[in-house]
Amino acid sequence: MNESWTTGRLLSWTKEYFEHSGLENPRLCAEVLLSHCVGCSRIELYARFNSEPTDRQRSQFRELVRRAAMHEPVAYLVGSREFYSLNFRVTPAVLIPRPETEMLVEKAVEHLQKLAGVHVTQQKFDSQESSPVDLDEIEKLASAQPEESQSSEPAFQPKKNRSQYVGNVWDVCTGSGCVACAIAANAPGVNVLASDISPAAIAVAVENASRLNLSQNVTFEQADLLELPVGSRYNDEYFDVITANPPYVAENDPVGDSTKYEPRDALYAGIDGLDVLRRLIPAVPKRLGRGGIFCVEFGYTHADAVRNLIVQTGEFAEPEIFKDFQGIERVAVAKRV
């Protein structure tokens, strides 16, 4: 007798298949794809562990598994990625948000808290998309009766008290808008400008701000780094925080198979990966108010070069360099003096 393709069996088989295909986090990838096809959260999969998805759901799942095994990014396949506990729509027009980029949000919000003279707990939700489900929960959840879910995840609602923060923020090279929206969500009342040279990226970012109920707090402009279009209402403004996650991959640097699906212009920056940073950093003091901070992400070999570019402007205190969760120097924060 043929064994039924239950949720549990699908997850087990797909995890092994992804392992053989060389995917990182194979169980997480299997959970994300199957929960997308079934229309539930990842944790709810284990409440349906012994149930069988429909033929249509299995057919959709098989196709996504096939594409994922060819290293097409899972985030593009399901059309979303979590960042700073918020769910963002992503398409091949934008980079997929990475965990290390969350440091830009953390440093920006810390500075904005100091400006406002308040202590505010970051408004981050418990993540269901960043790590595999705890296997210790499986038996308990598998025996529970599945419940129909009205939505796979709750809609984000900004805090109602919008008077406790002050300041203007500019997020350069915004891509999906993840940094700009996360700052706006965690620092209500702050005005955020988000810019990108790509009109396709701006369209995705605008949609994300709308989905997160942040359109009143985040404004978008198409711009090449800090060169805003003529007539922009921000042309004469100074900012309290400027964040940037610019292209910084060197032309000959090795990248993962899945990265090759991402927009090249958002990744590469010349032979050494510093072409964009060499243009951006000298221009920052012209738009950053005194006492404001510049937060920038860079490549794994760039810490000394970025520090030198910042110091050479003569406009900043000694920059601080922060390591990501892998222990790699990844973000510089510099205060304008």
Protein backbone atom coordinates (compact mmCIF):
# COMPACT_ATOMS: atom_id res chain seq x y z
CA MET A 1 0.00 0.00 0.00
CA ASN A 2 1.32 3.43 -0.94
CA GLU A 3 2.21 5.66 1.98
CA SER A 4 0.21 8.88 2.11
CA TRP A 5 1.96 12.17 1.48
CA THR A 6 1.17 13.80 4.78
CA THR A 7 2.56 17.14 5.87
CA GLY A 8 5.15 15.36 8.01
CA ARG A 9 6.27 13.08 5.21
CA LEU A 10 6.54 15.99 2.76
CA LEU A 11 8.69 17.96 5.18
CA SER A 12 10.97 15.01 5.90
CA TRP A 13 11.47 14.09 2.24
CA THR A 14 12.02 17.70 1.15
CA LYS A 15 14.54 18.36 3.91
CA GLU A 16 16.66 15.41 2.75
CA TYR A 17 16.30 16.44 -0.90
CA PHE A 18 17.45 19.99 -0.13
CA GLU A 19 20.39 18.65 1.88
CA HIS A 20 21.53 16.65 -1.15
CA SER A 21 21.02 19.74 -3.33
CA GLY A 22 23.35 21.78 -1.11
CA LEU A 23 20.80 24.31 0.19
CA GLU A 24 21.47 26.14 3.42
CA ASN A 25 18.89 25.59 6.17
CA PRO A 26 17.11 22.79 4.30
CA ARG A 27 14.38 22.18 6.91
CA LEU A 28 13.61 25.90 7.16
CA CYS A 29 13.33 26.11 3.36
CA ALA A 30 10.97 23.12 3.32
CA GLU A 31 8.80 24.66 6.04
CA VAL A 32 8.60 28.06 4.35
CA LEU A 33 7.63 26.58 0.98
CA LEU A 34 5.05 24.15 2.34
CA SER A 35 3.44 26.70 4.66
CA HIS A 36 3.18 29.06 1.69
CA CYS A 37 1.44 26.42 -0.44
CA VAL A 38 -0.89 25.25 2.33
CA GLY A 39 -1.70 28.80 3.45
CA CYS A 40 -0.72 28.62 7.10
CA SER A 41 2.13 29.63 9.38
CA ARG A 42 5.13 27.36 9.79
CA ILE A 43 4.19 26.46 13.36
CA GLU A 44 0.73 25.42 12.16
CA LEU A 45 2.29 22.85 9.82
CA TYR A 46 3.04 20.72 12.87
CA ALA A 47 -0.56 20.86 14.03
CA ARG A 48 -1.37 19.40 10.59
CA PHE A 49 1.52 16.93 10.73
CA ASN A 50 -0.62 13.88 9.90
CA SER A 51 -2.98 15.56 7.46
CA GLU A 52 -2.62 15.44 3.68
CA PRO A 53 -2.39 18.64 1.64
CA THR A 54 -4.68 18.75 -1.38
CA ASP A 55 -3.54 17.63 -4.83
CA ARG A 56 -3.35 21.26 -5.91
CA GLN A 57 -1.24 22.22 -2.89
CA ARG A 58 1.14 19.30 -3.47
CA SER A 59 1.47 20.17 -7.15
CA GLN A 60 2.37 23.77 -6.33
CA PHE A 61 4.79 22.57 -3.65
CA ARG A 62 6.55 20.18 -6.05
CA GLU A 63 7.17 22.99 -8.54
CA LEU A 64 8.58 25.32 -5.88
CA VAL A 65 10.78 22.53 -4.51
CA ARG A 66 12.15 21.90 -8.00
CA ARG A 67 13.05 25.56 -8.43
CA ALA A 68 14.49 25.89 -4.94
CA ALA A 69 16.74 22.87 -5.56
CA MET A 70 18.20 24.86 -8.48
CA HIS A 71 19.09 27.55 -5.89
CA GLU A 72 16.38 30.00 -6.85
CA PRO A 73 15.93 32.00 -3.63
CA VAL A 74 13.05 30.79 -1.47
CA ALA A 75 12.19 34.42 -0.66
CA TYR A 76 11.53 35.09 -4.34
CA LEU A 77 9.54 31.88 -4.70
CA VAL A 78 7.13 32.82 -1.91
CA GLY A 79 7.38 36.56 -2.55
CA SER A 80 8.28 37.64 0.98
CA ARG A 81 10.99 37.75 3.62
CA GLU A 82 10.97 38.67 7.28
CA PHE A 83 13.20 41.51 8.44
CA TYR A 84 13.26 43.00 11.92
CA SER A 85 10.16 40.92 12.70
CA LEU A 86 8.19 42.54 9.89
CA ASN A 87 7.12 40.76 6.71
CA PHE A 88 8.31 42.37 3.47
CA ARG A 89 7.30 41.65 -0.09
CA VAL A 90 10.36 40.90 -2.23
CA THR A 91 10.76 40.42 -5.97
CA PRO A 92 13.82 39.94 -8.21
CA ALA A 93 13.87 43.75 -8.50
CA VAL A 94 15.26 44.04 -4.95
CA LEU A 95 17.88 42.41 -2.77
CA ILE A 96 16.58 39.88 -0.28
CA PRO A 97 16.88 41.43 3.22
CA ARG A 98 19.63 39.88 5.34
CA PRO A 99 19.80 39.55 9.14
CA GLU A 100 23.08 41.50 9.38
CA THR A 101 21.39 44.58 7.88
CA GLU A 102 19.17 44.78 10.96
CA MET A 103 22.12 46.46 12.69
CA LEU A 104 21.42 49.60 10.66
CA VAL A 105 17.94 49.74 12.17
CA GLU A 106 19.20 49.07 15.70
CA LYS A 107 21.81 51.83 15.59
CA ALA A 108 19.41 54.32 14.02
CA VAL A 109 16.67 53.67 16.59
CA GLU A 110 19.15 53.91 19.47
CA HIS A 111 20.20 57.36 18.27
CA LEU A 112 16.61 58.50 17.78
CA GLN A 113 15.77 57.38 21.31
CA LYS A 114 18.58 59.58 22.62
CA LEU A 115 17.27 62.55 20.62
CA ALA A 116 13.82 62.09 22.10
CA GLY A 117 15.11 61.45 25.60
CA VAL A 118 12.99 58.35 25.95
CA HIS A 119 13.60 54.67 26.43
CA VAL A 120 11.44 52.60 24.12
CA THR A 121 11.42 48.85 23.71
CA GLN A 122 11.93 47.90 20.07
CA GLN A 123 8.61 46.92 18.50
CA LYS A 124 9.72 43.54 17.21
CA PHE A 125 7.36 40.61 16.89
CA ASP A 126 8.28 37.00 17.60
CA SER A 127 9.67 35.65 14.35
CA GLN A 128 8.14 32.67 12.62
CA GLU A 129 10.28 32.90 9.50
CA SER A 130 13.85 33.27 10.75
CA SER A 131 14.60 29.85 12.23
CA PRO A 132 13.27 26.30 12.01
CA VAL A 133 10.45 25.26 14.29
CA ASP A 134 11.62 23.70 17.57
CA LEU A 135 11.35 19.96 17.07
CA ASP A 136 10.46 19.49 20.74
CA GLU A 137 7.07 21.03 19.92
CA ILE A 138 6.24 18.65 17.10
CA GLU A 139 4.65 15.77 19.05
CA LYS A 140 2.42 18.09 21.04
CA LEU A 141 1.35 20.04 17.97
CA ALA A 142 0.92 16.95 15.80
CA SER A 143 -1.64 15.53 18.20
CA ALA A 144 -3.62 18.77 18.33
CA GLN A 145 -6.63 19.30 16.12
CA PRO A 146 -5.80 21.64 13.22
CA GLU A 147 -7.54 24.97 13.33
CA GLU A 148 -8.38 27.08 10.35
CA SER A 149 -6.35 30.26 10.29
CA GLN A 150 -7.86 33.46 8.99
CA SER A 151 -4.39 34.84 8.23
CA SER A 152 -0.92 33.37 8.24
CA GLU A 153 0.39 36.34 10.20
CA PRO A 154 -1.06 39.45 11.85
CA ALA A 155 -1.01 42.81 10.15
CA PHE A 156 1.47 45.24 11.66
CA GLN A 157 -0.04 48.16 13.56
CA PRO A 158 2.23 51.12 14.39
CA LYS A 159 2.19 52.49 17.91
CA LYS A 160 -0.52 55.05 18.53
CA ASN A 161 1.60 57.50 20.52
CA ARG A 162 3.53 59.22 17.74
CA SER A 163 4.83 62.17 19.75
CA GLN A 164 7.69 60.56 21.63
CA TYR A 165 10.22 60.57 18.78
CA VAL A 166 11.69 63.42 16.76
CA GLY A 167 14.05 63.58 13.85
CA ASN A 168 14.55 63.04 10.14
CA VAL A 169 16.05 59.87 8.68
CA TRP A 170 17.29 59.18 5.16
CA ASP A 171 17.70 55.57 4.05
CA VAL A 172 19.85 55.46 0.91
CA CYS A 173 19.77 52.48 -1.47
CA THR A 174 16.54 51.42 0.19
CA GLY A 175 15.73 48.44 -2.07
CA SER A 176 12.65 46.74 -0.60
CA GLY A 177 12.35 49.55 1.96
CA CYS A 178 13.09 47.16 4.82
CA VAL A 179 15.44 49.46 6.74
CA ALA A 180 13.31 52.58 6.23
CA CYS A 181 10.08 50.84 7.24
CA ALA A 182 11.63 49.08 10.23
CA ILE A 183 12.96 52.40 11.53
CA ALA A 184 9.57 54.07 11.04
CA ALA A 185 7.81 51.18 12.79
CA ASN A 186 10.11 51.30 15.79
CA ALA A 187 10.43 55.09 16.06
CA PRO A 188 6.89 56.43 15.55
CA GLY A 189 6.79 60.11 14.75
CA VAL A 190 10.10 60.20 12.89
CA ASN A 191 10.06 61.34 9.27
CA VAL A 192 11.81 58.86 6.98
CA LEU A 193 12.97 59.49 3.44
CA ALA A 194 13.86 56.37 1.44
CA SER A 195 15.60 56.57 -1.93
CA ASP A 196 16.89 54.23 -4.59
CA ILE A 197 18.13 54.63 -8.15
CA SER A 198 15.87 51.79 -9.34
CA PRO A 199 12.24 52.67 -10.09
CA ALA A 200 11.32 48.98 -9.84
CA ALA A 201 12.80 48.84 -6.33
CA ILE A 202 10.95 52.00 -5.32
CA ALA A 203 7.67 50.41 -6.45
CA VAL A 204 8.28 47.41 -4.19
CA ALA A 205 9.27 49.65 -1.26
CA VAL A 206 6.15 51.81 -1.66
CA GLU A 207 4.00 48.67 -1.58
CA ASN A 208 5.73 47.47 1.59
CA ALA A 209 5.17 50.78 3.38
CA SER A 210 1.49 50.62 2.43
CA ARG A 211 1.10 47.02 3.61
CA LEU A 212 2.69 47.91 6.94
CA ASN A 213 0.52 51.02 7.43
CA LEU A 214 3.59 53.26 7.29
CA SER A 215 2.89 55.33 4.18
CA GLN A 216 2.33 58.49 6.24
CA ASN A 217 5.77 58.17 7.83
CA VAL A 218 7.96 57.08 4.92
CA THR A 219 8.43 59.11 1.74
CA PHE A 220 10.09 57.65 -1.35
CA GLU A 221 12.24 59.33 -3.99
CA GLN A 222 14.08 57.92 -6.98
CA ALA A 223 17.64 59.18 -6.62
CA ASP A 224 21.26 58.30 -7.30
CA LEU A 225 22.68 58.12 -3.77
CA LEU A 226 22.30 61.61 -2.21
CA GLU A 227 21.47 63.41 -5.47
CA LEU A 228 17.76 64.09 -5.15
CA PRO A 229 15.78 65.23 -8.20
CA VAL A 230 15.28 68.94 -8.81
CA GLY A 231 12.20 70.13 -6.98
CA SER A 232 12.36 67.56 -4.18
CA ARG A 233 11.09 69.05 -0.92
CA TYR A 234 14.06 67.40 0.84
CA ASN A 235 16.75 69.22 -1.15
CA ASP A 236 17.37 71.81 1.57
CA GLU A 237 16.92 69.54 4.59
CA TYR A 238 19.50 68.16 6.98
CA PHE A 239 19.01 64.73 8.54
CA ASP A 240 19.59 63.33 12.00
CA VAL A 241 20.36 59.84 10.70
CA ILE A 242 21.51 58.62 7.29
CA THR A 243 21.55 54.86 6.74
CA ALA A 244 22.88 53.04 3.71
CA ASN A 245 23.27 49.47 2.49
CA PRO A 246 24.87 50.22 -0.88
CA PRO A 247 26.29 47.79 -3.45
CA TYR A 248 29.64 46.55 -2.15
CA VAL A 249 30.47 43.19 -3.76
CA ALA A 250 33.73 43.19 -5.75
CA GLU A 251 33.43 42.06 -9.37
CA ASN A 252 35.43 38.86 -8.88
CA ASP A 253 34.19 37.97 -5.40
CA PRO A 254 32.61 34.51 -5.19
CA VAL A 255 28.90 34.56 -4.38
CA GLY A 256 26.42 31.81 -3.60
CA ASP A 257 24.31 30.25 -6.33
CA SER A 258 21.14 31.87 -4.99
CA THR A 259 22.75 35.34 -4.97
CA LYS A 260 23.10 35.15 -8.75
CA TYR A 261 19.32 35.59 -8.98
CA GLU A 262 19.45 38.98 -7.24
CA PRO A 263 19.74 42.32 -9.10
CA ARG A 264 23.33 42.81 -10.17
CA ASP A 265 23.24 46.61 -9.88
CA ALA A 266 22.30 46.30 -6.20
CA LEU A 267 25.23 43.98 -5.51
CA TYR A 268 28.37 44.91 -7.42
CA ALA A 269 30.51 48.02 -7.06
CA GLY A 270 33.63 47.76 -9.18
CA ILE A 271 36.85 45.79 -8.94
CA ASP A 272 37.24 46.19 -5.17
CA GLY A 273 33.59 46.72 -4.23
CA LEU A 274 34.19 50.29 -3.05
CA ASP A 275 33.10 52.34 -6.08
CA VAL A 276 29.74 53.33 -4.60
CA LEU A 277 31.09 53.92 -1.10
CA ARG A 278 33.78 56.25 -2.53
CA ARG A 279 31.01 58.38 -4.03
CA LEU A 280 28.62 58.19 -1.08
CA ILE A 281 30.75 58.84 2.00
CA PRO A 282 32.26 62.25 1.00
CA ALA A 283 28.75 63.53 0.20
CA VAL A 284 27.17 62.53 3.53
CA PRO A 285 28.32 65.56 5.60
CA LYS A 286 26.47 67.89 3.17
CA ARG A 287 23.16 66.31 4.20
CA LEU A 288 23.78 65.15 7.79
CA GLY A 289 23.24 67.63 10.61
CA ARG A 290 25.88 68.12 13.27
CA GLY A 291 25.46 65.52 15.98
CA GLY A 292 23.72 63.22 13.50
CA ILE A 293 24.96 59.73 12.72
CA PHE A 294 25.83 57.92 9.51
CA CYS A 295 25.25 54.15 9.56
CA VAL A 296 26.59 52.15 6.63
CA GLU A 297 26.95 48.46 5.79
CA PHE A 298 29.99 47.23 3.87
CA GLY A 299 31.78 44.10 2.63
CA TYR A 300 33.76 41.67 4.72
CA THR A 301 37.16 43.13 3.70
CA HIS A 302 36.16 46.80 3.74
CA ALA A 303 36.34 47.89 7.39
CA ASP A 304 39.68 49.73 7.16
CA ALA A 305 38.85 51.34 3.82
CA VAL A 306 35.45 52.55 5.02
CA ARG A 307 36.94 53.91 8.23
CA ASN A 308 39.56 55.81 6.23
CA LEU A 309 36.97 57.24 3.83
CA ILE A 310 34.92 58.50 6.78
CA VAL A 311 37.94 59.98 8.60
CA GLN A 312 39.22 61.66 5.44
CA THR A 313 36.11 63.86 5.27
CA GLY A 314 37.27 65.63 8.44
CA GLU A 315 33.63 65.88 9.48
CA PHE A 316 33.18 62.88 11.77
CA ALA A 317 34.32 61.60 15.14
CA GLU A 318 36.19 58.30 15.05
CA PRO A 319 33.77 55.78 13.53
CA GLU A 320 32.70 52.69 15.44
CA ILE A 321 32.87 49.37 13.60
CA PHE A 322 30.39 46.64 14.54
CA LYS A 323 30.53 42.93 13.80
CA ASP A 324 27.62 40.88 12.50
CA PHE A 325 26.35 37.63 14.03
CA GLN A 326 29.14 35.73 12.23
CA GLY A 327 31.81 37.90 13.82
CA ILE A 328 32.52 39.79 10.56
CA GLU A 329 33.06 43.56 10.63
CA ARG A 330 29.96 44.73 8.79
CA VAL A 331 28.63 48.15 9.88
CA ALA A 332 30.23 51.52 10.60
CA VAL A 333 28.54 54.22 12.68
CA ALA A 334 30.02 57.72 12.61
CA LYS A 335 28.82 60.87 14.37
CA ARG A 336 29.16 64.18 12.60
CA VAL A 337 30.96 66.81 14.69
